[in-house]
Protein backbone atom coordinates (compact mmCIF):
# COMPACT_ATOMS: atom_id res chain seq x y z
CA MET A 1 -9.85 -12.84 -13.34
CA LYS A 2 -13.42 -13.55 -12.35
CA TYR A 3 -14.14 -15.30 -9.07
CA SER A 4 -16.00 -18.59 -9.27
CA GLY A 5 -17.73 -18.24 -5.90
CA TRP A 6 -20.27 -15.82 -4.49
CA PRO A 7 -19.91 -12.29 -3.14
CA SER A 8 -20.46 -11.71 0.57
CA PRO A 9 -23.04 -9.44 2.23
CA GLY A 10 -21.56 -5.99 2.75
CA GLU A 11 -19.10 -6.39 -0.11
CA LEU A 12 -18.84 -3.75 -2.82
CA VAL A 13 -19.04 -5.12 -6.35
CA VAL A 14 -18.74 -3.72 -9.86
CA GLY A 15 -21.55 -4.56 -12.26
CA ARG A 16 -23.00 -3.71 -15.62
CA VAL A 17 -26.70 -2.87 -15.91
CA ASP A 18 -28.18 -5.62 -18.04
CA GLU A 19 -31.92 -5.09 -17.78
CA ILE A 20 -34.20 -2.41 -16.36
CA GLU A 21 -37.70 -3.14 -15.11
CA ASP A 22 -40.23 -1.05 -13.19
CA PHE A 23 -39.49 -3.05 -10.04
CA GLY A 24 -35.71 -2.79 -10.25
CA VAL A 25 -32.48 -3.29 -12.14
CA PHE A 26 -30.67 -6.51 -13.06
CA VAL A 27 -26.90 -6.21 -12.88
CA ASP A 28 -24.26 -8.59 -14.27
CA LEU A 29 -21.42 -8.84 -11.75
CA GLU A 30 -18.15 -8.14 -13.54
CA GLU A 31 -15.96 -9.81 -10.89
CA TYR A 32 -17.88 -13.08 -10.57
CA GLU A 33 -18.47 -15.82 -13.11
CA ASP A 34 -22.07 -16.13 -14.29
CA LYS A 35 -23.45 -14.12 -11.37
CA ARG A 36 -26.28 -11.63 -11.66
CA GLY A 37 -27.82 -9.43 -9.00
CA LEU A 38 -31.01 -7.43 -8.54
CA VAL A 39 -31.21 -3.86 -7.33
CA HIS A 40 -34.79 -3.37 -6.14
CA VAL A 41 -36.30 -0.03 -7.12
CA SER A 42 -36.11 1.08 -3.48
CA GLU A 43 -32.31 0.54 -3.55
CA VAL A 44 -31.60 2.39 -6.76
CA ALA A 45 -31.65 5.90 -5.26
CA SER A 46 -32.83 7.71 -2.16
CA GLY A 47 -36.34 9.11 -2.15
CA TRP A 48 -39.32 8.34 -4.29
CA ILE A 49 -38.53 7.06 -7.77
CA LYS A 50 -41.01 7.76 -10.53
CA ASN A 51 -38.99 6.19 -13.34
CA VAL A 52 -36.00 3.88 -12.79
CA ARG A 53 -34.53 4.93 -16.13
CA ASP A 54 -34.07 8.45 -14.79
CA HIS A 55 -31.34 7.02 -12.54
CA VAL A 56 -29.65 4.24 -14.51
CA ASN A 57 -29.15 3.23 -18.12
CA GLU A 58 -28.69 -0.16 -19.75
CA ASP A 59 -25.01 -1.14 -20.12
CA GLN A 60 -24.03 1.39 -17.44
CA MET A 61 -21.23 0.41 -15.05
CA VAL A 62 -22.34 0.67 -11.42
CA VAL A 63 -20.87 -0.05 -8.01
CA CYS A 64 -23.27 -1.86 -5.69
CA LYS A 65 -23.29 -3.02 -2.11
CA VAL A 66 -24.28 -6.64 -1.57
CA ILE A 67 -27.29 -6.78 0.77
CA GLU A 68 -28.06 -10.47 0.80
CA VAL A 69 -26.97 -13.66 -0.97
CA ASP A 70 -29.21 -16.70 -1.35
CA GLN A 71 -27.16 -19.37 -3.09
CA ASP A 72 -30.02 -21.89 -3.13
CA ALA A 73 -32.23 -19.43 -4.96
CA GLN A 74 -29.26 -18.18 -7.04
CA GLN A 75 -30.12 -14.65 -5.96
CA VAL A 76 -27.96 -11.67 -5.03
CA ASP A 77 -29.71 -8.57 -3.68
CA LEU A 78 -27.86 -5.33 -4.29
CA SER A 79 -28.02 -1.65 -3.44
CA ILE A 80 -26.75 1.30 -5.44
CA LYS A 81 -27.92 4.02 -3.07
CA ASP A 82 -25.88 2.63 -0.14
CA VAL A 83 -22.59 3.32 -1.94
CA ASN A 84 -21.16 6.81 -1.43
CA ASP A 85 -18.99 8.69 -3.92
CA HIS A 86 -15.73 7.87 -2.14
CA GLN A 87 -16.51 4.16 -1.96
CA ARG A 88 -17.56 4.16 -5.61
CA SER A 89 -14.34 5.84 -6.73
CA GLU A 90 -12.13 3.50 -4.70
CA LYS A 91 -13.93 0.39 -5.90
CA VAL A 92 -13.76 1.39 -9.55
CA GLN A 93 -10.02 2.04 -9.22
CA GLU A 94 -9.54 -1.31 -7.50
CA TRP A 95 -11.44 -3.06 -10.30
CA LYS A 96 -9.39 -1.29 -12.98
CA ASN A 97 -6.20 -2.29 -11.19
CA GLU A 98 -7.26 -5.93 -11.21
CA GLN A 99 -7.92 -5.71 -14.93
CA LYS A 100 -4.37 -4.41 -15.39
CA ALA A 101 -3.07 -7.31 -13.31
CA ASP A 102 -4.98 -9.75 -15.53
CA LYS A 103 -3.11 -8.31 -18.52
CA TRP A 104 0.20 -8.64 -16.69
CA MET A 105 -0.55 -12.31 -16.08
CA GLU A 106 -1.04 -12.77 -19.82
CA ILE A 107 2.22 -10.91 -20.51
CA ALA A 108 4.04 -13.07 -17.97
CA PHE A 109 2.63 -16.47 -18.89
CA GLY A 110 1.19 -15.98 -22.36
CA GLU A 111 -2.33 -15.30 -23.57
CA ASP A 112 -2.93 -19.03 -23.95
CA ILE A 113 -2.39 -19.82 -20.27
CA ASP A 114 -5.15 -22.22 -19.23
CA ASP A 115 -7.70 -21.14 -16.65
CA ASP A 116 -6.62 -23.58 -13.95
CA ARG A 117 -2.98 -22.49 -14.08
CA PHE A 118 -4.03 -18.82 -14.21
CA ARG A 119 -6.15 -19.24 -11.11
CA SER A 120 -3.52 -21.28 -9.29
CA ILE A 121 -0.88 -18.59 -9.74
CA ALA A 122 -3.27 -15.68 -9.19
CA ASN A 123 -4.67 -17.20 -6.00
CA GLU A 124 -1.18 -17.43 -4.51
CA LEU A 125 -0.79 -13.66 -4.96
CA ILE A 126 -4.32 -12.95 -3.75
CA ASP A 127 -3.87 -15.11 -0.65
CA GLN A 128 -0.62 -13.34 0.15
CA TYR A 129 -1.58 -9.72 -0.58
CA GLY A 130 -5.36 -9.54 -0.92
CA SER A 131 -5.38 -8.80 -4.64
CA LEU A 132 -3.59 -9.77 -7.82
CA TYR A 133 -2.58 -6.16 -8.46
CA LYS A 134 -1.05 -5.77 -5.00
CA GLY A 135 0.93 -8.96 -5.55
CA PHE A 136 2.48 -7.57 -8.72
CA GLU A 137 3.11 -4.23 -7.02
CA GLU A 138 4.96 -5.89 -4.14
CA ALA A 139 6.97 -7.97 -6.62
CA ALA A 140 7.98 -4.78 -8.45
CA ILE A 141 9.15 -3.14 -5.23
CA HIS A 142 10.71 -6.03 -3.31
CA GLY A 143 11.53 -8.56 -6.02
CA GLU A 144 11.73 -12.28 -5.33
CA GLU A 145 11.65 -11.65 -1.59
CA ALA A 146 8.00 -10.55 -1.85
CA LEU A 147 6.96 -14.00 -3.12
CA GLU A 148 9.20 -16.26 -1.03
CA SER A 149 6.40 -17.28 1.32
CA THR A 150 4.07 -18.35 -1.51
CA ASP A 151 3.96 -21.84 -3.01
CA LEU A 152 5.01 -20.55 -6.42
CA ASP A 153 8.07 -22.21 -7.94
CA ASP A 154 11.23 -20.24 -8.69
CA ASP A 155 10.53 -19.99 -12.42
CA ASP A 156 7.07 -18.52 -11.86
CA ILE A 157 8.45 -16.08 -9.30
CA ASP A 158 11.17 -14.93 -11.71
CA VAL A 159 8.63 -14.35 -14.49
CA ILE A 160 6.27 -12.42 -12.21
CA VAL A 161 9.07 -10.21 -10.86
CA GLU A 162 10.40 -9.50 -14.35
CA THR A 163 6.93 -8.62 -15.65
CA ALA A 164 6.14 -6.50 -12.59
CA ARG A 165 9.32 -4.48 -12.91
CA GLU A 166 8.61 -3.84 -16.58
CA ASN A 167 4.96 -2.81 -16.16
CA VAL A 168 4.06 -1.72 -12.63
CA SER A 169 4.27 1.95 -11.70
CA VAL A 170 4.60 2.54 -7.97
CA PRO A 171 4.85 5.86 -6.10
CA TYR A 172 8.59 5.35 -5.56
CA VAL A 173 11.12 2.60 -5.03
CA THR A 174 14.24 2.77 -2.87
CA VAL A 175 17.19 0.45 -3.45
CA THR A 176 20.48 0.39 -1.59
CA GLY A 177 23.94 -0.94 -2.34
CA TYR A 178 27.41 -0.59 -0.89
CA VAL A 179 30.79 -0.04 -2.46
CA ASP A 180 34.20 -0.51 -0.82
CA LEU A 181 36.65 2.09 -2.14
CA GLU A 182 40.37 1.74 -1.47
CA SER A 183 43.44 3.44 -2.89
CA PRO A 184 47.10 2.68 -2.06
CA ASP A 185 48.24 6.08 -3.28
CA VAL A 186 49.56 8.69 -0.86
CA ASP A 187 46.65 10.85 -1.99
CA GLY A 188 44.24 7.96 -1.45
CA VAL A 189 41.78 10.09 0.50
CA GLU A 190 41.47 12.45 -2.45
CA ASP A 191 41.10 9.53 -4.84
CA VAL A 192 38.20 8.16 -2.76
CA ARG A 193 36.59 11.60 -2.56
CA GLU A 194 36.65 11.89 -6.35
CA ALA A 195 35.21 8.39 -6.68
CA MET A 196 32.36 9.38 -4.35
CA GLN A 197 31.68 12.47 -6.44
CA ALA A 198 31.61 10.30 -9.55
CA ALA A 199 29.15 7.95 -7.83
CA GLU A 200 26.89 10.93 -7.08
CA GLY A 201 26.65 11.54 -10.83
CA ASN A 202 28.25 14.96 -11.18
CA GLY A 203 24.85 16.49 -11.88
CA GLU A 204 23.90 13.95 -14.56
CA VAL A 205 21.35 11.97 -12.52
CA PRO A 206 17.76 12.25 -13.91
CA GLU A 207 15.56 14.81 -12.13
CA GLU A 208 13.06 12.20 -10.96
CA VAL A 209 15.82 10.23 -9.20
CA GLU A 210 17.25 10.91 -5.75
CA LEU A 211 20.74 9.50 -5.32
CA ASP A 212 22.67 9.74 -2.07
CA VAL A 213 26.19 8.49 -1.35
CA THR A 214 27.24 8.43 2.30
CA TYR A 215 30.22 7.20 4.31
CA VAL A 216 29.49 4.14 6.44
CA GLY A 217 32.89 3.10 7.76
CA ALA A 218 36.22 2.67 6.00
CA PRO A 219 36.30 1.50 3.28
CA GLU A 220 32.52 1.18 2.89
CA TYR A 221 30.15 3.73 1.33
CA ARG A 222 26.38 3.47 0.98
CA ILE A 223 24.60 4.26 -2.30
CA LYS A 224 20.87 4.85 -1.89
CA VAL A 225 18.61 5.48 -4.88
CA LYS A 226 14.98 6.57 -4.80
CA ALA A 227 13.16 6.43 -8.15
CA PRO A 228 9.64 6.17 -9.66
CA ASN A 229 10.06 2.47 -10.48
CA TYR A 230 12.30 -0.46 -9.69
CA LYS A 231 13.94 -0.69 -13.11
CA THR A 232 15.07 2.94 -13.00
CA ALA A 233 16.25 2.65 -9.40
CA GLU A 234 18.26 -0.49 -10.09
CA THR A 235 19.80 0.98 -13.24
CA GLN A 236 20.85 4.15 -11.43
CA LEU A 237 22.33 2.14 -8.55
CA GLU A 238 24.42 0.03 -10.90
CA GLU A 239 25.54 3.08 -12.89
CA SER A 240 26.52 4.91 -9.69
CA ALA A 241 28.66 1.98 -8.54
CA ALA A 242 30.20 1.70 -12.01
CA ARG A 243 31.17 5.40 -11.98
CA ALA A 244 32.83 4.99 -8.60
CA ARG A 245 34.70 1.90 -9.79
CA GLU A 246 35.92 3.62 -12.95
CA ALA A 247 37.16 6.65 -11.01
CA ILE A 248 39.00 4.74 -8.29
CA GLU A 249 40.55 2.23 -10.69
CA ALA A 250 41.80 5.10 -12.86
CA ALA A 251 43.72 6.26 -9.78
CA GLY A 252 45.13 2.79 -9.15
CA GLY A 253 42.64 1.81 -6.47
CA THR A 254 39.96 -0.86 -6.19
CA ALA A 255 36.19 -0.98 -5.80
CA ASP A 256 33.96 -3.80 -4.61
CA PHE A 257 30.20 -3.38 -5.02
CA HIS A 258 27.85 -5.46 -2.84
CA ARG A 259 24.19 -5.31 -1.82
CA GLU A 260 24.51 -6.07 1.91
CA ARG A 261 26.38 -4.34 4.72
CA ARG A 262 29.78 -5.79 5.60
CA THR A 263 29.33 -4.84 9.27
CA ASP A 264 26.45 -4.74 11.80
CA GLU A 265 26.70 -0.99 12.25
CA GLU A 266 24.21 1.43 10.81
């Protein structure tokens, strides 16, 4: 998504070199609609510059710092030399992430989504999290809860969460559930122990997944899953609970899986 407004002084922007002159470089701003900036020759690189083309090429992607904006004159003054390597790397990654998020919007709402609706939905995520990408990332991790405070309707929230969980890769996701295990048998303690072992996976849990089953308070047990993405974490949680249920029911007992604690104790 391209912004319709103007960048602010001090902001870092991504641009494409459009034209090179002896006095400086014209740059098309990739993040803003119909906005072009000028990097004066003195702001291209440090030191004396004999030939601007020794430092930049046409069609090259550059990260610039906004020096000054004159909306009346339709002019944006930029600097390339004032951007260090770390800033450049972070900004490029941020820009690439936003391009990914644009694609996710098309996946969620269709490639034919009109611009006004696109912007309306995107701006809700941007207002909440600072960027479209971060909005999708939070939706992947926390689900509908991440978008409750936005003005998006339930259908839009559901579509965003579904798309996020299918496409967003986050460092890790942790989900938790609880299962009540009870057995009327005289060997009920052993039946529950075997159900817990079944919940732990008996060594069949994928290597990238951490699964932990702990006793909370009779008859409640906590299942915590840490995984590379929400979909994997949720699947492993459900499979763990299903294994426990199968084991305890085979012994004549019962299992009740729920997502919230039954008590106030930790």
